[in-house]
Amino acid sequence: MARTEQKGRRSPRDKAARWGFDFKTRIFLILLLTGLGIGLHNSSAGESFRETRTNMMVYADAQGKLRLVKTKSDWDRRRSMILRGMSEVMGELPAREQRLPLDFRIISTEDKGDVVLKSVDYLSEPNSRVPAWLLLPKRLRPGSKAPGILALHPTDMEYGNRVVVETLRPYYRAYAMDLARSGYVVLAPAYPLMANYQPDLARLHWRSGTLKAVWDNIRGLDLLASLPEVKPGGFGVIGHSLGGHNALFTAVFDARIKVVVSSCGFDSFVDYMGGKIDGWTSARYMPALGDYRARLEAVPFDFPEVLSALAPRYVFVNAPLHDDNFQSKSVDTVLLRARPVFTLLGAKDRLQVVHPDCGHDFPQEIREQAYRFIESVLPPAH
């Protein structure tokens, strides 16, 4: 399967040209937007430029001039800029026509009372099979169908995706099993380079583990769509921590996902661990982010753009007040920047956030809120 190989590093001049304007034009735009009153404040040029770039309601036209986003067509142009920025860091997805047959296999089956739990795998690409758990609710009558949900797991080097199927850690929650018991068909794929899933990313020509995970998840949606038990018309995705941002990234690249739940999954790169983004730069995440350690304002995308790119779909965010990974105040700023896009697209009430008084956790009360949020978009089988 053909893929984009690792790209060479671009100079700052090349990167500026890629976005359609050079440094002098950049300064002009900062001054122009300050005069227009578009979300700028008196600060350094670098900070102002970052705020301009992360202002979702502006886009660069064909001549490189910054314009206000006033229509859906304007937003589509802005969104395409976001996808280009994400691809610059993550790499490129394979073309749609390069999808191979899934060669779906059932490894084992276990009766969990009200849920049938299957250990499965599927062919994501040549030489790469993805292990996963498939959960089927017993409440399904013969011939009936239920919505399909992707349940994406948090970081766990020992158990991997098992932690969303059964309680193995006091701080991880089995939301895949919860949702299957509620009447959903749930697929919980493994994340690359964790536990029993160790694909050779270099040999497979992936620039980031992040995008490999997104592709595996997209193929997981293909699997769900192929099952006779799954209702057509859209999917949901839920994840905590690693699964929280994995859910967001997957939904950006696959419009079949109609509702997203992200728990403890993000804040702005500038705010993450006081600006120390090393945690994002390992092989299983996005190594290319390492090039921006000393200039975070130049990262080609950030989470205000990721959240905005999901509009007008339904997004539920859990951001605990005492999360030691992601700052709740930064999450609020991210959502504040994304809300104008949801409003523009007639979906201002579809972006929701809760702030439980706890640490890096997805407690039961908040999970129940998230499940009700999913149910409002994709009612379960009864």
Protein backbone atom coordinates (compact mmCIF):
# COMPACT_ATOMS: atom_id res chain seq x y z
CA MET A 1 0.00 0.00 0.00
CA ALA A 2 1.47 3.32 -1.06
CA ARG A 3 2.00 5.90 1.64
CA THR A 4 3.61 9.25 2.08
CA GLU A 5 7.15 8.72 3.34
CA GLN A 6 8.78 10.82 6.05
CA LYS A 7 9.02 14.37 4.77
CA GLY A 8 12.15 16.46 5.11
CA ARG A 9 12.15 19.34 7.51
CA ARG A 10 10.88 22.61 6.15
CA SER A 11 12.56 25.89 6.83
CA PRO A 12 10.52 28.61 8.58
CA ARG A 13 10.27 30.36 5.19
CA ASP A 14 8.86 27.20 3.58
CA LYS A 15 6.38 26.73 6.40
CA ALA A 16 5.18 30.31 6.08
CA ALA A 17 4.76 29.86 2.33
CA ARG A 18 2.79 26.69 2.94
CA TRP A 19 0.17 28.69 4.81
CA GLY A 20 0.06 31.27 2.05
CA PHE A 21 1.95 34.21 3.54
CA ASP A 22 5.49 35.17 4.48
CA PHE A 23 6.76 36.83 7.65
CA LYS A 24 6.14 40.41 6.49
CA THR A 25 2.60 39.52 5.47
CA ARG A 26 2.16 37.80 8.83
CA ILE A 27 2.99 41.02 10.68
CA PHE A 28 0.65 42.95 8.39
CA LEU A 29 -2.17 40.53 9.19
CA ILE A 30 -1.57 40.87 12.91
CA LEU A 31 -1.89 44.65 12.61
CA LEU A 32 -4.91 44.34 10.34
CA LEU A 33 -6.74 41.97 12.64
CA THR A 34 -5.90 44.10 15.65
CA GLY A 35 -7.62 46.97 13.87
CA LEU A 36 -10.61 44.74 13.13
CA GLY A 37 -10.78 43.65 16.75
CA ILE A 38 -10.55 39.94 15.98
CA GLY A 39 -9.59 38.38 19.28
CA LEU A 40 -6.13 39.98 19.57
CA HIS A 41 -4.57 41.69 22.55
CA ASN A 42 -1.47 43.68 23.27
CA SER A 43 1.26 41.04 23.43
CA SER A 44 4.37 39.92 21.62
CA ALA A 45 4.23 39.33 17.86
CA GLY A 46 4.62 35.58 18.39
CA GLU A 47 1.73 35.38 20.84
CA SER A 48 -0.46 37.56 18.61
CA PHE A 49 0.28 35.42 15.59
CA ARG A 50 -0.58 32.27 17.50
CA GLU A 51 -3.88 33.77 18.59
CA THR A 52 -4.59 34.82 15.02
CA ARG A 53 -3.82 31.36 13.70
CA THR A 54 -5.97 29.65 16.30
CA ASN A 55 -8.86 32.06 15.74
CA MET A 56 -11.30 29.74 14.01
CA MET A 57 -13.26 32.52 12.40
CA VAL A 58 -10.55 33.56 9.93
CA TYR A 59 -9.12 31.78 6.88
CA ALA A 60 -6.53 32.48 4.19
CA ASP A 61 -7.93 33.03 0.70
CA ALA A 62 -6.23 32.02 -2.57
CA GLN A 63 -4.08 35.15 -2.45
CA GLY A 64 -2.99 34.50 1.13
CA LYS A 65 -5.16 37.28 2.55
CA LEU A 66 -6.90 36.55 5.83
CA ARG A 67 -10.70 36.71 5.61
CA LEU A 68 -13.47 36.44 8.16
CA VAL A 69 -15.38 33.14 8.26
CA LYS A 70 -18.98 34.16 7.58
CA THR A 71 -20.48 31.16 5.76
CA LYS A 72 -20.25 27.38 5.74
CA SER A 73 -18.25 27.65 2.52
CA ASP A 74 -15.76 29.91 4.31
CA TRP A 75 -15.56 27.40 7.15
CA ASP A 76 -14.91 24.54 4.73
CA ARG A 77 -11.83 26.44 3.54
CA ARG A 78 -10.70 27.00 7.11
CA ARG A 79 -11.26 23.34 7.95
CA SER A 80 -9.12 22.26 5.01
CA MET A 81 -6.30 24.36 6.50
CA ILE A 82 -6.72 22.50 9.79
CA LEU A 83 -6.48 19.12 8.09
CA ARG A 84 -3.33 20.20 6.28
CA GLY A 85 -1.79 21.27 9.58
CA MET A 86 -2.67 17.98 11.25
CA SER A 87 -1.24 16.02 8.32
CA GLU A 88 2.01 18.00 8.51
CA VAL A 89 2.57 16.60 11.99
CA MET A 90 0.83 13.20 11.77
CA GLY A 91 1.45 12.21 8.15
CA GLU A 92 -1.05 11.27 5.43
CA LEU A 93 -3.82 8.68 5.58
CA PRO A 94 -3.94 6.05 2.85
CA ALA A 95 -6.34 6.76 0.01
CA ARG A 96 -9.84 5.38 0.43
CA GLU A 97 -9.45 2.98 -2.49
CA GLN A 98 -6.48 1.37 -0.76
CA ARG A 99 -8.66 -0.36 1.84
CA LEU A 100 -8.25 -4.13 1.69
CA PRO A 101 -10.79 -6.77 2.77
CA LEU A 102 -10.87 -6.86 6.57
CA ASP A 103 -10.35 -10.63 6.87
CA PHE A 104 -12.25 -10.47 10.17
CA ARG A 105 -11.46 -13.33 12.57
CA ILE A 106 -13.08 -14.40 15.85
CA ILE A 107 -10.43 -15.74 18.23
CA SER A 108 -12.64 -16.62 21.20
CA THR A 109 -16.13 -16.03 22.60
CA GLU A 110 -17.18 -15.57 26.22
CA ASP A 111 -20.65 -15.25 27.76
CA LYS A 112 -20.78 -12.28 30.14
CA GLY A 113 -24.42 -12.71 31.12
CA ASP A 114 -26.07 -9.84 29.24
CA VAL A 115 -23.19 -9.37 26.79
CA VAL A 116 -21.35 -11.70 24.43
CA LEU A 117 -17.64 -10.79 24.49
CA LYS A 118 -15.54 -11.78 21.48
CA SER A 119 -11.79 -11.51 21.09
CA VAL A 120 -11.27 -10.64 17.42
CA ASP A 121 -8.78 -9.21 14.98
CA TYR A 122 -8.98 -7.62 11.54
CA LEU A 123 -6.64 -6.64 8.73
CA SER A 124 -6.02 -2.92 8.89
CA GLU A 125 -3.40 -3.00 6.13
CA PRO A 126 -0.95 -5.51 4.66
CA ASN A 127 1.10 -7.13 7.44
CA SER A 128 -0.87 -5.46 10.23
CA ARG A 129 -3.72 -7.14 12.07
CA VAL A 130 -5.45 -5.17 14.84
CA PRO A 131 -6.53 -7.06 17.98
CA ALA A 132 -9.85 -5.89 19.38
CA TRP A 133 -12.75 -6.75 21.63
CA LEU A 134 -16.22 -6.98 20.10
CA LEU A 135 -19.14 -6.71 22.52
CA LEU A 136 -22.66 -7.75 21.45
CA PRO A 137 -25.64 -7.03 23.73
CA LYS A 138 -27.84 -10.08 24.30
CA ARG A 139 -30.93 -7.87 24.29
CA LEU A 140 -30.74 -7.76 20.50
CA ARG A 141 -33.61 -9.75 19.01
CA PRO A 142 -32.96 -11.86 15.90
CA GLY A 143 -32.79 -9.52 12.92
CA SER A 144 -32.66 -6.35 15.05
CA LYS A 145 -29.82 -3.85 14.97
CA ALA A 146 -28.05 -1.50 17.40
CA PRO A 147 -25.82 1.54 16.89
CA GLY A 148 -22.08 0.86 16.71
CA ILE A 149 -19.62 2.49 19.13
CA LEU A 150 -15.82 2.64 19.13
CA ALA A 151 -14.46 2.42 22.70
CA LEU A 152 -10.84 3.65 22.73
CA HIS A 153 -8.67 2.79 25.70
CA PRO A 154 -6.31 4.89 27.87
CA THR A 155 -2.58 4.28 28.17
CA ASP A 156 -1.85 0.85 29.60
CA MET A 157 1.28 -1.03 28.62
CA GLU A 158 0.25 -4.27 30.33
CA TYR A 159 -3.44 -4.71 29.55
CA GLY A 160 -4.04 -2.33 26.63
CA ASN A 161 -7.63 -2.42 25.43
CA ARG A 162 -8.73 -4.89 28.11
CA VAL A 163 -9.12 -2.02 30.57
CA VAL A 164 -12.29 -0.79 28.84
CA VAL A 165 -13.86 -4.26 28.90
CA GLU A 166 -13.24 -5.28 32.53
CA THR A 167 -12.13 -3.53 35.72
CA LEU A 168 -8.38 -4.05 35.97
CA ARG A 169 -7.26 -0.69 37.37
CA PRO A 170 -8.97 1.39 40.07
CA TYR A 171 -8.61 4.51 37.91
CA TYR A 172 -9.71 3.05 34.54
CA ARG A 173 -13.34 2.41 33.75
CA ALA A 174 -14.95 -0.37 31.68
CA TYR A 175 -17.05 1.94 29.50
CA ALA A 176 -17.07 -0.52 26.59
CA MET A 177 -18.89 -3.06 28.76
CA ASP A 178 -21.21 -0.35 30.17
CA LEU A 179 -22.31 0.68 26.68
CA ALA A 180 -22.78 -2.89 25.47
CA ARG A 181 -25.02 -3.57 28.47
CA SER A 182 -26.98 -0.45 27.52
CA GLY A 183 -27.72 -1.83 24.05
CA TYR A 184 -24.82 -0.88 21.77
CA VAL A 185 -22.54 -3.00 19.61
CA VAL A 186 -19.09 -1.95 20.80
CA LEU A 187 -15.66 -2.43 19.24
CA ALA A 188 -12.59 -1.75 21.40
CA PRO A 189 -9.45 -1.87 19.21
CA ALA A 190 -5.91 -1.89 20.58
CA TYR A 191 -3.64 1.16 20.29
CA PRO A 192 -0.27 0.74 18.50
CA LEU A 193 2.81 -0.06 20.59
CA MET A 194 0.90 -0.98 23.74
CA ALA A 195 0.47 -4.38 25.40
CA ASN A 196 -0.02 -7.13 22.80
CA TYR A 197 -0.17 -4.82 19.75
CA GLN A 198 3.31 -3.97 18.46
CA PRO A 199 3.20 -3.03 14.76
CA ASP A 200 6.45 -1.95 13.10
CA LEU A 201 5.52 1.64 12.28
CA ALA A 202 8.71 2.36 10.35
CA ARG A 203 8.36 -0.73 8.15
CA LEU A 204 4.70 0.13 7.57
CA HIS A 205 5.72 3.70 6.64
CA TRP A 206 3.70 5.51 9.28
CA ARG A 207 4.98 8.91 10.34
CA SER A 208 3.16 8.74 13.68
CA GLY A 209 1.53 6.20 15.94
CA THR A 210 -1.32 8.69 16.27
CA LEU A 211 -2.31 8.38 12.62
CA LYS A 212 -1.77 4.62 12.58
CA ALA A 213 -4.30 4.45 15.43
CA VAL A 214 -6.70 6.67 13.49
CA TRP A 215 -6.43 4.38 10.47
CA ASP A 216 -6.96 1.27 12.61
CA ASN A 217 -10.04 2.95 14.10
CA ILE A 218 -11.38 3.87 10.67
CA ARG A 219 -10.99 0.25 9.63
CA GLY A 220 -12.74 -0.67 12.88
CA LEU A 221 -15.69 1.44 11.76
CA ASP A 222 -15.61 -0.45 8.46
CA LEU A 223 -15.85 -3.65 10.50
CA LEU A 224 -18.78 -2.39 12.55
CA ALA A 225 -20.55 -1.28 9.36
CA SER A 226 -20.18 -4.81 7.97
CA LEU A 227 -21.83 -6.55 10.93
CA PRO A 228 -25.48 -7.56 10.57
CA GLU A 229 -26.13 -6.50 14.18
CA VAL A 230 -25.08 -2.86 13.56
CA LYS A 231 -27.56 -0.20 12.59
CA PRO A 232 -26.47 2.00 9.67
CA GLY A 233 -26.52 5.79 9.78
CA GLY A 234 -23.68 6.79 12.04
CA PHE A 235 -21.40 5.77 14.89
CA GLY A 236 -20.24 7.03 18.26
CA VAL A 237 -16.76 7.10 19.78
CA ILE A 238 -15.72 7.31 23.43
CA GLY A 239 -12.31 7.40 25.08
CA HIS A 240 -10.49 8.38 28.26
CA SER A 241 -6.98 9.93 28.45
CA LEU A 242 -5.11 8.53 25.42
CA GLY A 243 -8.51 7.36 24.22
CA GLY A 244 -9.84 10.88 24.75
CA HIS A 245 -7.65 12.49 22.10
CA ASN A 246 -7.65 9.33 19.95
CA ALA A 247 -11.44 9.73 19.78
CA LEU A 248 -11.17 13.37 18.68
CA PHE A 249 -8.55 12.69 16.00
CA THR A 250 -10.50 9.73 14.61
CA ALA A 251 -13.71 11.75 14.39
CA VAL A 252 -11.95 14.58 12.55
CA PHE A 253 -10.90 12.15 9.81
CA ASP A 254 -14.12 10.10 9.64
CA ALA A 255 -17.45 11.89 9.25
CA ARG A 256 -19.39 8.67 9.95
CA ILE A 257 -18.87 9.42 13.65
CA LYS A 258 -21.86 11.48 14.80
CA VAL A 259 -21.17 11.76 18.54
CA VAL A 260 -17.85 12.02 20.42
CA VAL A 261 -17.05 11.62 24.12
CA SER A 262 -13.56 12.72 25.17
CA SER A 263 -12.54 12.29 28.82
CA CYS A 264 -9.28 13.79 30.14
CA GLY A 265 -7.89 13.82 26.61
CA PHE A 266 -6.41 17.22 25.84
CA ASP A 267 -5.51 20.77 26.54
CA SER A 268 -3.55 23.22 24.38
CA PHE A 269 -0.01 22.17 23.45
CA VAL A 270 1.17 25.51 24.85
CA ASP A 271 -0.31 24.68 28.25
CA TYR A 272 0.47 20.96 28.38
CA MET A 273 2.82 20.30 31.32
CA GLY A 274 3.87 23.93 31.33
CA GLY A 275 4.84 23.80 27.66
CA LYS A 276 6.95 20.63 27.94
CA ILE A 277 5.46 18.55 25.14
CA ASP A 278 7.91 15.62 25.27
CA GLY A 279 5.02 13.38 26.31
CA TRP A 280 3.49 13.93 22.87
CA THR A 281 6.65 13.14 20.88
CA SER A 282 7.23 9.40 21.34
CA ALA A 283 6.91 6.99 18.40
CA ARG A 284 3.41 5.95 19.46
CA TYR A 285 2.22 9.58 19.32
CA MET A 286 3.63 12.34 17.07
CA PRO A 287 7.44 12.44 16.86
CA ALA A 288 7.33 15.44 14.50
CA LEU A 289 6.07 17.59 17.37
CA GLY A 290 9.58 17.38 18.78
CA ASP A 291 10.66 19.91 16.16
CA TYR A 292 8.51 22.52 17.92
CA ARG A 293 9.69 22.12 21.52
CA ALA A 294 11.18 25.61 21.62
CA ARG A 295 8.47 27.30 19.52
CA LEU A 296 5.09 25.89 20.47
CA GLU A 297 3.31 28.85 18.85
CA ALA A 298 4.44 27.44 15.48
CA VAL A 299 2.88 23.96 15.87
CA PRO A 300 0.79 23.51 12.69
CA PHE A 301 -2.36 22.64 14.64
CA ASP A 302 -3.72 22.69 18.17
CA PHE A 303 -6.83 21.48 19.95
CA PRO A 304 -9.02 24.55 19.28
CA GLU A 305 -8.74 23.52 15.63
CA VAL A 306 -9.37 19.85 16.38
CA LEU A 307 -12.56 20.60 18.31
CA SER A 308 -13.72 23.07 15.68
CA ALA A 309 -13.16 20.54 12.91
CA LEU A 310 -15.80 18.31 14.56
CA ALA A 311 -18.62 20.87 14.17
CA PRO A 312 -21.57 20.50 13.78
CA ARG A 313 -21.40 17.04 15.37
CA TYR A 314 -22.10 16.28 19.04
CA VAL A 315 -19.10 16.51 21.39
CA PHE A 316 -19.03 15.82 25.16
CA VAL A 317 -15.86 16.71 27.08
CA ASN A 318 -14.95 15.59 30.60
CA ALA A 319 -12.28 17.94 32.06
CA PRO A 320 -11.79 17.37 35.81
CA LEU A 321 -10.72 20.32 37.90
CA HIS A 322 -7.68 18.51 39.31
CA ASP A 323 -6.45 16.61 36.26
CA ASP A 324 -2.65 16.46 36.56
CA ASN A 325 -2.25 15.79 32.81
CA PHE A 326 -4.51 18.36 31.19
CA GLN A 327 -5.49 21.72 32.67
CA SER A 328 -9.23 22.33 32.88
CA LYS A 329 -8.73 26.08 32.34
CA SER A 330 -6.89 25.37 29.12
CA VAL A 331 -9.71 23.04 28.04
CA ASP A 332 -12.18 25.87 28.60
CA THR A 333 -10.08 28.15 26.40
CA VAL A 334 -9.98 25.50 23.70
CA LEU A 335 -13.76 25.18 23.76
CA LEU A 336 -14.21 28.95 23.85
CA ARG A 337 -12.30 29.22 20.58
CA ALA A 338 -14.27 26.38 19.01
CA ARG A 339 -17.75 27.56 20.00
CA PRO A 340 -18.13 30.24 17.27
CA VAL A 341 -17.80 27.51 14.65
CA PHE A 342 -20.52 25.40 16.27
CA THR A 343 -22.71 28.51 16.44
CA LEU A 344 -22.06 29.34 12.78
CA LEU A 345 -23.16 25.83 11.79
CA GLY A 346 -26.32 25.93 13.92
CA ALA A 347 -24.94 23.59 16.59
CA LYS A 348 -24.08 25.85 19.52
CA ASP A 349 -25.59 23.43 22.08
CA ARG A 350 -23.80 20.36 20.72
CA LEU A 351 -20.45 21.14 22.33
CA GLN A 352 -20.63 20.40 26.07
CA VAL A 353 -18.08 20.26 28.87
CA VAL A 354 -18.26 19.12 32.51
CA HIS A 355 -15.73 19.77 35.29
CA PRO A 356 -16.01 17.16 38.06
CA ASP A 357 -14.16 17.82 41.30
CA CYS A 358 -11.64 15.02 40.86
CA GLY A 359 -8.31 14.12 39.26
CA HIS A 360 -7.50 12.34 35.99
CA ASP A 361 -10.60 10.13 36.08
CA PHE A 362 -13.88 9.32 34.37
CA PRO A 363 -16.12 8.79 37.43
CA GLN A 364 -19.45 7.00 37.30
CA GLU A 365 -21.65 10.11 37.54
CA ILE A 366 -19.85 11.69 34.58
CA ARG A 367 -19.90 8.46 32.58
CA GLU A 368 -23.66 8.30 33.07
CA GLN A 369 -23.95 11.85 31.72
CA ALA A 370 -21.82 10.88 28.75
CA TYR A 371 -23.94 7.79 28.06
CA ARG A 372 -27.11 9.88 28.12
CA PHE A 373 -25.43 12.29 25.72
CA ILE A 374 -24.71 9.42 23.33
CA GLU A 375 -28.26 8.12 23.71
CA SER A 376 -29.67 11.51 22.71
CA VAL A 377 -27.95 11.14 19.35
CA LEU A 378 -27.87 7.36 18.86
CA PRO A 379 -30.65 5.64 20.85
CA PRO A 380 -29.60 2.11 21.91
CA ALA A 381 -31.39 -1.12 21.08
CA HIS A 382 -34.32 -1.90 23.40
